[in-house]
Structures are given as C-alpha cells and as structure tokens.
C-alpha atoms as a PDB file:
ATOM      1  CA  MET A   1       0.000   0.000   0.000  1.00  0.00           C
ATOM      2  CA  ILE A   2       1.332   3.432  -0.928  1.00  0.00           C
ATOM      3  CA  LYS A   3       1.746   5.707   2.074  1.00  0.00           C
ATOM      4  CA  THR A   4       3.266   8.905   0.713  1.00  0.00           C
ATOM      5  CA  ILE A   5       3.674  10.587  -2.643  1.00  0.00           C
ATOM      6  CA  ILE A   6       6.458  13.172  -2.805  1.00  0.00           C
ATOM      7  CA  LEU A   7       6.681  15.726  -5.591  1.00  0.00           C
ATOM      8  CA  ALA A   8      10.203  16.905  -6.316  1.00  0.00           C
ATOM      9  CA  PRO A   9      11.453  19.190  -9.088  1.00  0.00           C
ATOM     10  CA  LEU A  10      13.501  17.391 -11.738  1.00  0.00           C
ATOM     11  CA  GLY A  11      17.217  17.956 -11.477  1.00  0.00           C
ATOM     12  CA  THR A  12      19.193  19.015  -8.445  1.00  0.00           C
ATOM     13  CA  ASN A  13      17.932  22.593  -8.225  1.00  0.00           C
ATOM     14  CA  TRP A  14      15.148  22.871  -5.652  1.00  0.00           C
ATOM     15  CA  THR A  15      14.502  26.557  -6.428  1.00  0.00           C
ATOM     16  CA  PHE A  16      10.846  27.062  -7.237  1.00  0.00           C
ATOM     17  CA  THR A  17      10.053  29.001 -10.381  1.00  0.00           C
ATOM     18  CA  LYS A  18       6.920  29.397 -12.427  1.00  0.00           C
ATOM     19  CA  ARG A  19       8.069  26.758 -14.910  1.00  0.00           C
ATOM     20  CA  PHE A  20       9.638  23.520 -13.882  1.00  0.00           C
ATOM     21  CA  ARG A  21       8.932  19.850 -14.366  1.00  0.00           C
ATOM     22  CA  TRP A  22       8.045  17.617 -11.457  1.00  0.00           C
ATOM     23  CA  LYS A  23       9.198  14.093 -10.772  1.00  0.00           C
ATOM     24  CA  VAL A  24       6.841  12.002  -8.681  1.00  0.00           C
ATOM     25  CA  LEU A  25       8.584   9.889  -6.095  1.00  0.00           C
ATOM     26  CA  ILE A  26       6.259   7.192  -4.826  1.00  0.00           C
ATOM     27  CA  VAL A  27       7.193   5.909  -1.397  1.00  0.00           C
ATOM     28  CA  SER A  28       5.708   2.656  -0.110  1.00  0.00           C
ATOM     29  CA  SER A  29       4.558   2.100   3.466  1.00  0.00           C
ATOM     30  CA  ASP A  30       8.048   1.031   4.559  1.00  0.00           C
ATOM     31  CA  GLN A  31       9.493   4.281   3.105  1.00  0.00           C
ATOM     32  CA  GLU A  32      10.899   2.486   0.051  1.00  0.00           C
ATOM     33  CA  VAL A  33      11.192   4.526  -3.150  1.00  0.00           C
ATOM     34  CA  LEU A  34       9.365   2.882  -6.049  1.00  0.00           C
ATOM     35  CA  LEU A  35      10.571   3.168  -9.646  1.00  0.00           C
ATOM     36  CA  THR A  36       8.615   3.016 -12.891  1.00  0.00           C
ATOM     37  CA  PRO A  37       9.501   0.489 -15.615  1.00  0.00           C
ATOM     38  CA  ALA A  38      11.015   3.332 -17.684  1.00  0.00           C
ATOM     39  CA  GLU A  39      13.285   4.384 -14.797  1.00  0.00           C
ATOM     40  CA  VAL A  40      14.449   0.803 -14.238  1.00  0.00           C
ATOM     41  CA  ALA A  41      14.976   0.335 -17.971  1.00  0.00           C
ATOM     42  CA  SER A  42      17.174   3.420 -18.166  1.00  0.00           C
ATOM     43  CA  LEU A  43      19.375   2.093 -15.337  1.00  0.00           C
ATOM     44  CA  PHE A  44      19.890  -1.232 -17.138  1.00  0.00           C
ATOM     45  CA  ARG A  45      19.886   0.322 -20.619  1.00  0.00           C
ATOM     46  CA  VAL A  46      17.105  -1.964 -21.819  1.00  0.00           C
ATOM     47  CA  ASP A  47      13.572  -1.463 -23.120  1.00  0.00           C
ATOM     48  CA  PRO A  48      10.820  -1.028 -20.477  1.00  0.00           C
ATOM     49  CA  LYS A  49       9.105  -4.115 -21.904  1.00  0.00           C
ATOM     50  CA  THR A  50      12.191  -6.128 -20.900  1.00  0.00           C
ATOM     51  CA  VAL A  51      11.747  -4.966 -17.309  1.00  0.00           C
ATOM     52  CA  THR A  52       8.125  -6.164 -17.433  1.00  0.00           C
ATOM     53  CA  ARG A  53       9.326  -9.558 -18.704  1.00  0.00           C
ATOM     54  CA  TRP A  54      11.804  -9.741 -15.807  1.00  0.00           C
ATOM     55  CA  ALA A  55       8.939  -9.148 -13.378  1.00  0.00           C
ATOM     56  CA  LYS A  56       6.821 -11.852 -15.026  1.00  0.00           C
ATOM     57  CA  SER A  57       9.719 -14.336 -14.845  1.00  0.00           C
ATOM     58  CA  GLY A  58      10.460 -13.520 -11.195  1.00  0.00           C
ATOM     59  CA  LYS A  59      13.805 -11.799 -11.712  1.00  0.00           C
ATOM     60  CA  LEU A  60      12.338  -8.611 -10.173  1.00  0.00           C
ATOM     61  CA  THR A  61       9.440  -8.165  -7.766  1.00  0.00           C
ATOM     62  CA  SER A  62       6.816  -5.704  -8.907  1.00  0.00           C
ATOM     63  CA  ILE A  63       4.178  -3.847  -6.963  1.00  0.00           C
ATOM     64  CA  ARG A  64       0.954  -2.950  -8.753  1.00  0.00           C
ATOM     65  CA  THR A  65      -0.608   0.492  -8.388  1.00  0.00           C
ATOM     66  CA  LEU A  66      -4.361   0.919  -8.138  1.00  0.00           C
ATOM     67  CA  GLY A  67      -4.352   1.616 -11.880  1.00  0.00           C
ATOM     68  CA  GLY A  68      -2.554  -1.682 -12.573  1.00  0.00           C
ATOM     69  CA  HIS A  69       0.851  -0.175 -13.387  1.00  0.00           C
ATOM     70  CA  ARG A  70       4.007  -1.881 -12.177  1.00  0.00           C
ATOM     71  CA  ARG A  71       6.448  -0.269  -9.740  1.00  0.00           C
ATOM     72  CA  TYR A  72       9.750  -1.672  -8.530  1.00  0.00           C
ATOM     73  CA  LYS A  73      11.546  -1.235  -5.196  1.00  0.00           C
ATOM     74  CA  GLU A  74      14.635   0.907  -5.686  1.00  0.00           C
ATOM     75  CA  SER A  75      16.727  -1.196  -3.268  1.00  0.00           C
ATOM     76  CA  GLU A  76      15.929  -4.412  -5.154  1.00  0.00           C
ATOM     77  CA  VAL A  77      16.690  -2.802  -8.512  1.00  0.00           C
ATOM     78  CA  LYS A  78      20.032  -1.452  -7.273  1.00  0.00           C
ATOM     79  CA  ALA A  79      20.944  -4.854  -5.805  1.00  0.00           C
ATOM     80  CA  LEU A  80      20.209  -6.535  -9.145  1.00  0.00           C
ATOM     81  CA  LEU A  81      22.126  -3.816 -10.967  1.00  0.00           C
ATOM     82  CA  SER A  82      25.210  -4.291  -8.795  1.00  0.00           C
ATOM     83  CA  ALA A  83      24.973  -8.081  -9.109  1.00  0.00           C
ATOM     84  CA  THR A  84      24.663  -7.759 -12.880  1.00  0.00           C
ATOM     85  CA  SER A  85      27.593  -5.353 -13.150  1.00  0.00           C
ATOM     86  CA  ASN A  86      29.741  -7.572 -10.892  1.00  0.00           C
ATOM     87  CA  ASN A  87      28.890 -10.576 -13.100  1.00  0.00           C
ATOM     88  CA  SER A  88      29.811  -8.783 -16.311  1.00  0.00           C
ATOM     89  CA  THR A  89      33.063  -7.507 -14.759  1.00  0.00           C
ATOM     90  CA  ARG A  90      34.078 -11.014 -13.713  1.00  0.00           C
ATOM     91  CA  ASN A  91      33.231 -12.410 -17.150  1.00  0.00           C
ATOM     92  CA  GLY A  92      35.089  -9.638 -18.965  1.00  0.00           C
ATOM     93  CA  GLY A  93      31.894  -8.178 -20.432  1.00  0.00           C
ATOM     94  CA  ASN A  94      31.296  -4.584 -21.466  1.00  0.00           C
END
C-alpha cells in the first residue's frame, strides 16, 4: 500500500520558479522509493518491456498500483544492478 507521494522538481535545483517539471517519487509504506519500468529500464539500458518480462519471470518483484501499473523497489533494482555489473566484470563483459 502506498503511504506517501512526494513531488520533487527534476534535477538538483530545488529553487521554485513558475516553470519547472516535477518528478513524482512514490514511497511505499516502509518508506521504500518505487521506480517506474522506464526508470528501471534506463538504469539497465534496456527497453521497459524487458523490465516487465523480468517481473513476469520472477527476476524482479513488482508492486501494482491501483491503476494496474508496475512499480519496482529501488533497493531491489540497485541490488540486481550491482549483481549484474559484478557478473559482467568477472566475465570480462562490457
């Protein structure tokens, strides 16, 4: 269950102006930041559909919003990312 939704301006500048774009940070009940499939895909440099396939196969755990959209725990994504990068480093991958 989602407890808090935080709106934060995109980028590192928190100065409020008339025009800026917002990034929605969704925080679950245990204060975990949830990522969209597009955000996860950009971290892994894959298509968002690939991230959905990973969730269906059990490689990643997804949380469904009330609208049926998938969200992923940031800590789990970062753990998988570090495991993946450690694997490719050991195997001599790019």
